[in-house]
Amino acid sequence: MIWGDRDPYIRFSTARELAERIAHAELIRLRGGDHYIMEERPPVLTDALISLLSVPLTARA
């Protein structure tokens, strides 16, 4: 999960709780990111996605 720390709709505590309930989920907190980080800061989101997707699935289990 990728969460922007300036998201006015979803609190960090909610994002953390969701990540804890999803098996093998990882929560990445992006500083300065709003709810629409994909539109506001595409390069930051892209870097986070690449980082997340570059780890083999077996390593996450």
PDB file of N, CA and C in Angstrom:
ATOM      1  N   MET A   1       0.845  -1.160   0.000  1.00  0.00           N
ATOM      2  CA  MET A   1       0.000   0.000   0.000  1.00  0.00           C
ATOM      3  C   MET A   1       0.894   1.227   0.000  1.00  0.00           C
ATOM      4  N   ILE A   2       0.472   2.241  -0.733  1.00  0.00           N
ATOM      5  CA  ILE A   2       1.199   3.509  -0.764  1.00  0.00           C
ATOM      6  C   ILE A   2       0.253   4.580  -0.252  1.00  0.00           C
ATOM      7  N   TRP A   3       0.728   5.323   0.720  1.00  0.00           N
ATOM      8  CA  TRP A   3      -0.115   6.319   1.383  1.00  0.00           C
ATOM      9  C   TRP A   3       0.639   7.636   1.473  1.00  0.00           C
ATOM     10  N   GLY A   4      -0.020   8.735   1.116  1.00  0.00           N
ATOM     11  CA  GLY A   4       0.557  10.068   1.251  1.00  0.00           C
ATOM     12  C   GLY A   4       0.241  10.641   2.617  1.00  0.00           C
ATOM     13  N   ASP A   5       1.251  11.198   3.285  1.00  0.00           N
ATOM     14  CA  ASP A   5       1.041  11.647   4.665  1.00  0.00           C
ATOM     15  C   ASP A   5       0.233  12.940   4.797  1.00  0.00           C
ATOM     16  N   ARG A   6      -0.177  13.506   3.684  1.00  0.00           N
ATOM     17  CA  ARG A   6      -1.066  14.676   3.732  1.00  0.00           C
ATOM     18  C   ARG A   6      -2.459  14.345   3.197  1.00  0.00           C
ATOM     19  N   ASP A   7      -2.783  13.078   3.200  1.00  0.00           N
ATOM     20  CA  ASP A   7      -4.091  12.628   2.715  1.00  0.00           C
ATOM     21  C   ASP A   7      -5.174  13.107   3.679  1.00  0.00           C
ATOM     22  N   PRO A   8      -6.082  13.976   3.208  1.00  0.00           N
ATOM     23  CA  PRO A   8      -7.119  14.495   4.099  1.00  0.00           C
ATOM     24  C   PRO A   8      -8.288  13.528   4.299  1.00  0.00           C
ATOM     25  N   TYR A   9      -8.319  12.448   3.542  1.00  0.00           N
ATOM     26  CA  TYR A   9      -9.451  11.528   3.595  1.00  0.00           C
ATOM     27  C   TYR A   9      -9.166  10.258   4.401  1.00  0.00           C
ATOM     28  N   ILE A  10      -7.946   9.771   4.312  1.00  0.00           N
ATOM     29  CA  ILE A  10      -7.594   8.521   4.991  1.00  0.00           C
ATOM     30  C   ILE A  10      -6.444   8.789   5.953  1.00  0.00           C
ATOM     31  N   ARG A  11      -6.700   8.603   7.228  1.00  0.00           N
ATOM     32  CA  ARG A  11      -5.673   8.820   8.246  1.00  0.00           C
ATOM     33  C   ARG A  11      -4.628   7.710   8.180  1.00  0.00           C
ATOM     34  N   PHE A  12      -3.436   8.038   8.674  1.00  0.00           N
ATOM     35  CA  PHE A  12      -2.363   7.046   8.683  1.00  0.00           C
ATOM     36  C   PHE A  12      -2.747   5.830   9.515  1.00  0.00           C
ATOM     37  N   SER A  13      -3.436   6.052  10.609  1.00  0.00           N
ATOM     38  CA  SER A  13      -3.849   4.925  11.459  1.00  0.00           C
ATOM     39  C   SER A  13      -4.750   3.961  10.688  1.00  0.00           C
ATOM     40  N   THR A  14      -5.593   4.492   9.816  1.00  0.00           N
ATOM     41  CA  THR A  14      -6.462   3.646   8.998  1.00  0.00           C
ATOM     42  C   THR A  14      -5.647   2.878   7.964  1.00  0.00           C
ATOM     43  N   ALA A  15      -4.709   3.564   7.320  1.00  0.00           N
ATOM     44  CA  ALA A  15      -3.852   2.901   6.339  1.00  0.00           C
ATOM     45  C   ALA A  15      -3.039   1.794   6.997  1.00  0.00           C
ATOM     46  N   ARG A  16      -2.515   2.068   8.176  1.00  0.00           N
ATOM     47  CA  ARG A  16      -1.727   1.069   8.905  1.00  0.00           C
ATOM     48  C   ARG A  16      -2.595  -0.138   9.273  1.00  0.00           C
ATOM     49  N   GLU A  17      -3.816   0.127   9.730  1.00  0.00           N
ATOM     50  CA  GLU A  17      -4.730  -0.961  10.091  1.00  0.00           C
ATOM     51  C   GLU A  17      -5.061  -1.827   8.874  1.00  0.00           C
ATOM     52  N   LEU A  18      -5.307  -1.191   7.739  1.00  0.00           N
ATOM     53  CA  LEU A  18      -5.584  -1.952   6.515  1.00  0.00           C
ATOM     54  C   LEU A  18      -4.392  -2.817   6.129  1.00  0.00           C
ATOM     55  N   ALA A  19      -3.202  -2.245   6.205  1.00  0.00           N
ATOM     56  CA  ALA A  19      -1.995  -2.996   5.852  1.00  0.00           C
ATOM     57  C   ALA A  19      -1.799  -4.192   6.779  1.00  0.00           C
ATOM     58  N   GLU A  20      -2.143  -4.027   8.043  1.00  0.00           N
ATOM     59  CA  GLU A  20      -2.013  -5.129   8.995  1.00  0.00           C
ATOM     60  C   GLU A  20      -3.006  -6.251   8.708  1.00  0.00           C
ATOM     61  N   ARG A  21      -4.134  -5.913   8.117  1.00  0.00           N
ATOM     62  CA  ARG A  21      -5.172  -6.911   7.835  1.00  0.00           C
ATOM     63  C   ARG A  21      -4.972  -7.636   6.508  1.00  0.00           C
ATOM     64  N   ILE A  22      -4.120  -7.103   5.656  1.00  0.00           N
ATOM     65  CA  ILE A  22      -3.852  -7.715   4.354  1.00  0.00           C
ATOM     66  C   ILE A  22      -2.567  -8.531   4.468  1.00  0.00           C
ATOM     67  N   ALA A  23      -2.681  -9.817   4.196  1.00  0.00           N
ATOM     68  CA  ALA A  23      -1.516 -10.697   4.311  1.00  0.00           C
ATOM     69  C   ALA A  23      -0.364 -10.211   3.438  1.00  0.00           C
ATOM     70  N   HIS A  24       0.807 -10.117   4.033  1.00  0.00           N
ATOM     71  CA  HIS A  24       2.053  -9.757   3.350  1.00  0.00           C
ATOM     72  C   HIS A  24       2.052  -8.340   2.783  1.00  0.00           C
ATOM     73  N   ALA A  25       1.142  -7.494   3.236  1.00  0.00           N
ATOM     74  CA  ALA A  25       1.094  -6.119   2.732  1.00  0.00           C
ATOM     75  C   ALA A  25       2.241  -5.306   3.308  1.00  0.00           C
ATOM     76  N   GLU A  26       2.699  -4.365   2.522  1.00  0.00           N
ATOM     77  CA  GLU A  26       3.719  -3.423   2.967  1.00  0.00           C
ATOM     78  C   GLU A  26       3.137  -2.027   2.807  1.00  0.00           C
ATOM     79  N   LEU A  27       3.321  -1.193   3.792  1.00  0.00           N
ATOM     80  CA  LEU A  27       2.808   0.171   3.749  1.00  0.00           C
ATOM     81  C   LEU A  27       3.965   1.126   3.531  1.00  0.00           C
ATOM     82  N   ILE A  28       3.904   1.869   2.439  1.00  0.00           N
ATOM     83  CA  ILE A  28       4.913   2.878   2.138  1.00  0.00           C
ATOM     84  C   ILE A  28       4.284   4.243   2.376  1.00  0.00           C
ATOM     85  N   ARG A  29       4.919   5.023   3.230  1.00  0.00           N
ATOM     86  CA  ARG A  29       4.425   6.361   3.580  1.00  0.00           C
ATOM     87  C   ARG A  29       5.220   7.392   2.787  1.00  0.00           C
ATOM     88  N   LEU A  30       4.519   8.156   1.945  1.00  0.00           N
ATOM     89  CA  LEU A  30       5.177   9.159   1.118  1.00  0.00           C
ATOM     90  C   LEU A  30       4.967  10.546   1.715  1.00  0.00           C
ATOM     91  N   ARG A  31       6.067  11.170   2.073  1.00  0.00           N
ATOM     92  CA  ARG A  31       6.002  12.507   2.674  1.00  0.00           C
ATOM     93  C   ARG A  31       5.494  13.531   1.660  1.00  0.00           C
ATOM     94  N   GLY A  32       4.572  14.351   2.115  1.00  0.00           N
ATOM     95  CA  GLY A  32       4.043  15.416   1.280  1.00  0.00           C
ATOM     96  C   GLY A  32       3.000  14.965   0.279  1.00  0.00           C
ATOM     97  N   GLY A  33       2.652  13.696   0.315  1.00  0.00           N
ATOM     98  CA  GLY A  33       1.682  13.170  -0.642  1.00  0.00           C
ATOM     99  C   GLY A  33       0.255  13.365  -0.173  1.00  0.00           C
ATOM    100  N   ASP A  34      -0.603  13.751  -1.083  1.00  0.00           N
ATOM    101  CA  ASP A  34      -2.021  13.942  -0.808  1.00  0.00           C
ATOM    102  C   ASP A  34      -2.765  12.673  -1.233  1.00  0.00           C
ATOM    103  N   HIS A  35      -4.072  12.722  -1.227  1.00  0.00           N
ATOM    104  CA  HIS A  35      -4.888  11.573  -1.617  1.00  0.00           C
ATOM    105  C   HIS A  35      -4.683  11.222  -3.095  1.00  0.00           C
ATOM    106  N   TYR A  36      -4.368  12.224  -3.897  1.00  0.00           N
ATOM    107  CA  TYR A  36      -4.201  12.027  -5.341  1.00  0.00           C
ATOM    108  C   TYR A  36      -2.734  12.145  -5.731  1.00  0.00           C
ATOM    109  N   ILE A  37      -1.882  11.447  -5.011  1.00  0.00           N
ATOM    110  CA  ILE A  37      -0.442  11.555  -5.244  1.00  0.00           C
ATOM    111  C   ILE A  37      -0.057  11.155  -6.665  1.00  0.00           C
ATOM    112  N   MET A  38      -0.836  10.270  -7.274  1.00  0.00           N
ATOM    113  CA  MET A  38      -0.526   9.851  -8.641  1.00  0.00           C
ATOM    114  C   MET A  38      -0.647  11.004  -9.631  1.00  0.00           C
ATOM    115  N   GLU A  39      -1.441  12.001  -9.300  1.00  0.00           N
ATOM    116  CA  GLU A  39      -1.578  13.178 -10.155  1.00  0.00           C
ATOM    117  C   GLU A  39      -0.644  14.295  -9.714  1.00  0.00           C
ATOM    118  N   GLU A  40      -0.412  14.411  -8.418  1.00  0.00           N
ATOM    119  CA  GLU A  40       0.388  15.502  -7.874  1.00  0.00           C
ATOM    120  C   GLU A  40       1.890  15.292  -8.040  1.00  0.00           C
ATOM    121  N   ARG A  41       2.343  14.066  -7.781  1.00  0.00           N
ATOM    122  CA  ARG A  41       3.781  13.789  -7.773  1.00  0.00           C
ATOM    123  C   ARG A  41       4.072  12.439  -8.417  1.00  0.00           C
ATOM    124  N   PRO A  42       3.816  12.327  -9.722  1.00  0.00           N
ATOM    125  CA  PRO A  42       4.014  11.047 -10.400  1.00  0.00           C
ATOM    126  C   PRO A  42       5.416  10.446 -10.234  1.00  0.00           C
ATOM    127  N   PRO A  43       6.499  11.241 -10.288  1.00  0.00           N
ATOM    128  CA  PRO A  43       7.822  10.628 -10.130  1.00  0.00           C
ATOM    129  C   PRO A  43       8.020   9.960  -8.759  1.00  0.00           C
ATOM    130  N   VAL A  44       7.488  10.569  -7.714  1.00  0.00           N
ATOM    131  CA  VAL A  44       7.612  10.003  -6.369  1.00  0.00           C
ATOM    132  C   VAL A  44       6.840   8.686  -6.288  1.00  0.00           C
ATOM    133  N   LEU A  45       5.653   8.678  -6.844  1.00  0.00           N
ATOM    134  CA  LEU A  45       4.847   7.454  -6.850  1.00  0.00           C
ATOM    135  C   LEU A  45       5.525   6.366  -7.681  1.00  0.00           C
ATOM    136  N   THR A  46       6.057   6.740  -8.827  1.00  0.00           N
ATOM    137  CA  THR A  46       6.741   5.772  -9.686  1.00  0.00           C
ATOM    138  C   THR A  46       7.920   5.138  -8.960  1.00  0.00           C
ATOM    139  N   ASP A  47       8.715   5.948  -8.266  1.00  0.00           N
ATOM    140  CA  ASP A  47       9.848   5.412  -7.506  1.00  0.00           C
ATOM    141  C   ASP A  47       9.380   4.428  -6.437  1.00  0.00           C
ATOM    142  N   ALA A  48       8.294   4.767  -5.745  1.00  0.00           N
ATOM    143  CA  ALA A  48       7.759   3.880  -4.702  1.00  0.00           C
ATOM    144  C   ALA A  48       7.259   2.571  -5.307  1.00  0.00           C
ATOM    145  N   LEU A  49       6.590   2.659  -6.446  1.00  0.00           N
ATOM    146  CA  LEU A  49       6.092   1.448  -7.111  1.00  0.00           C
ATOM    147  C   LEU A  49       7.234   0.558  -7.582  1.00  0.00           C
ATOM    148  N   ILE A  50       8.263   1.166  -8.148  1.00  0.00           N
ATOM    149  CA  ILE A  50       9.417   0.388  -8.608  1.00  0.00           C
ATOM    150  C   ILE A  50      10.075  -0.315  -7.428  1.00  0.00           C
ATOM    151  N   SER A  51      10.213   0.401  -6.328  1.00  0.00           N
ATOM    152  CA  SER A  51      10.802  -0.189  -5.126  1.00  0.00           C
ATOM    153  C   SER A  51       9.969  -1.366  -4.629  1.00  0.00           C
ATOM    154  N   LEU A  52       8.676  -1.181  -4.600  1.00  0.00           N
ATOM    155  CA  LEU A  52       7.771  -2.222  -4.117  1.00  0.00           C
ATOM    156  C   LEU A  52       7.772  -3.435  -5.037  1.00  0.00           C
ATOM    157  N   LEU A  53       7.763  -3.189  -6.338  1.00  0.00           N
ATOM    158  CA  LEU A  53       7.654  -4.280  -7.305  1.00  0.00           C
ATOM    159  C   LEU A  53       8.982  -4.965  -7.609  1.00  0.00           C
ATOM    160  N   SER A  54      10.079  -4.382  -7.171  1.00  0.00           N
ATOM    161  CA  SER A  54      11.384  -4.980  -7.455  1.00  0.00           C
ATOM    162  C   SER A  54      11.746  -6.095  -6.474  1.00  0.00           C
ATOM    163  N   VAL A  55      10.976  -6.234  -5.399  1.00  0.00           N
ATOM    164  CA  VAL A  55      11.222  -7.289  -4.413  1.00  0.00           C
ATOM    165  C   VAL A  55      10.475  -8.549  -4.854  1.00  0.00           C
ATOM    166  N   PRO A  56      11.183  -9.676  -4.954  1.00  0.00           N
ATOM    167  CA  PRO A  56      10.499 -10.921  -5.346  1.00  0.00           C
ATOM    168  C   PRO A  56       9.367 -11.263  -4.376  1.00  0.00           C
ATOM    169  N   LEU A  57       8.291 -11.794  -4.902  1.00  0.00           N
ATOM    170  CA  LEU A  57       7.141 -12.142  -4.071  1.00  0.00           C
ATOM    171  C   LEU A  57       7.503 -13.140  -2.980  1.00  0.00           C
ATOM    172  N   THR A  58       8.399 -14.051  -3.253  1.00  0.00           N
ATOM    173  CA  THR A  58       8.770 -15.034  -2.238  1.00  0.00           C
ATOM    174  C   THR A  58       9.471 -14.382  -1.059  1.00  0.00           C
ATOM    175  N   ALA A  59      10.139 -13.263  -1.287  1.00  0.00           N
ATOM    176  CA  ALA A  59      10.825 -12.565  -0.200  1.00  0.00           C
ATOM    177  C   ALA A  59       9.837 -11.867   0.721  1.00  0.00           C
ATOM    178  N   ARG A  60       8.659 -11.553   0.222  1.00  0.00           N
ATOM    179  CA  ARG A  60       7.647 -10.858   1.019  1.00  0.00           C
ATOM    180  C   ARG A  60       6.870 -11.810   1.916  1.00  0.00           C
ATOM    181  N   ALA A  61       6.812 -13.066   1.546  1.00  0.00           N
ATOM    182  CA  ALA A  61       5.985 -14.035   2.274  1.00  0.00           C
ATOM    183  C   ALA A  61       6.478 -14.316   3.671  1.00  0.00           C
TER     184      ALA A  61
END
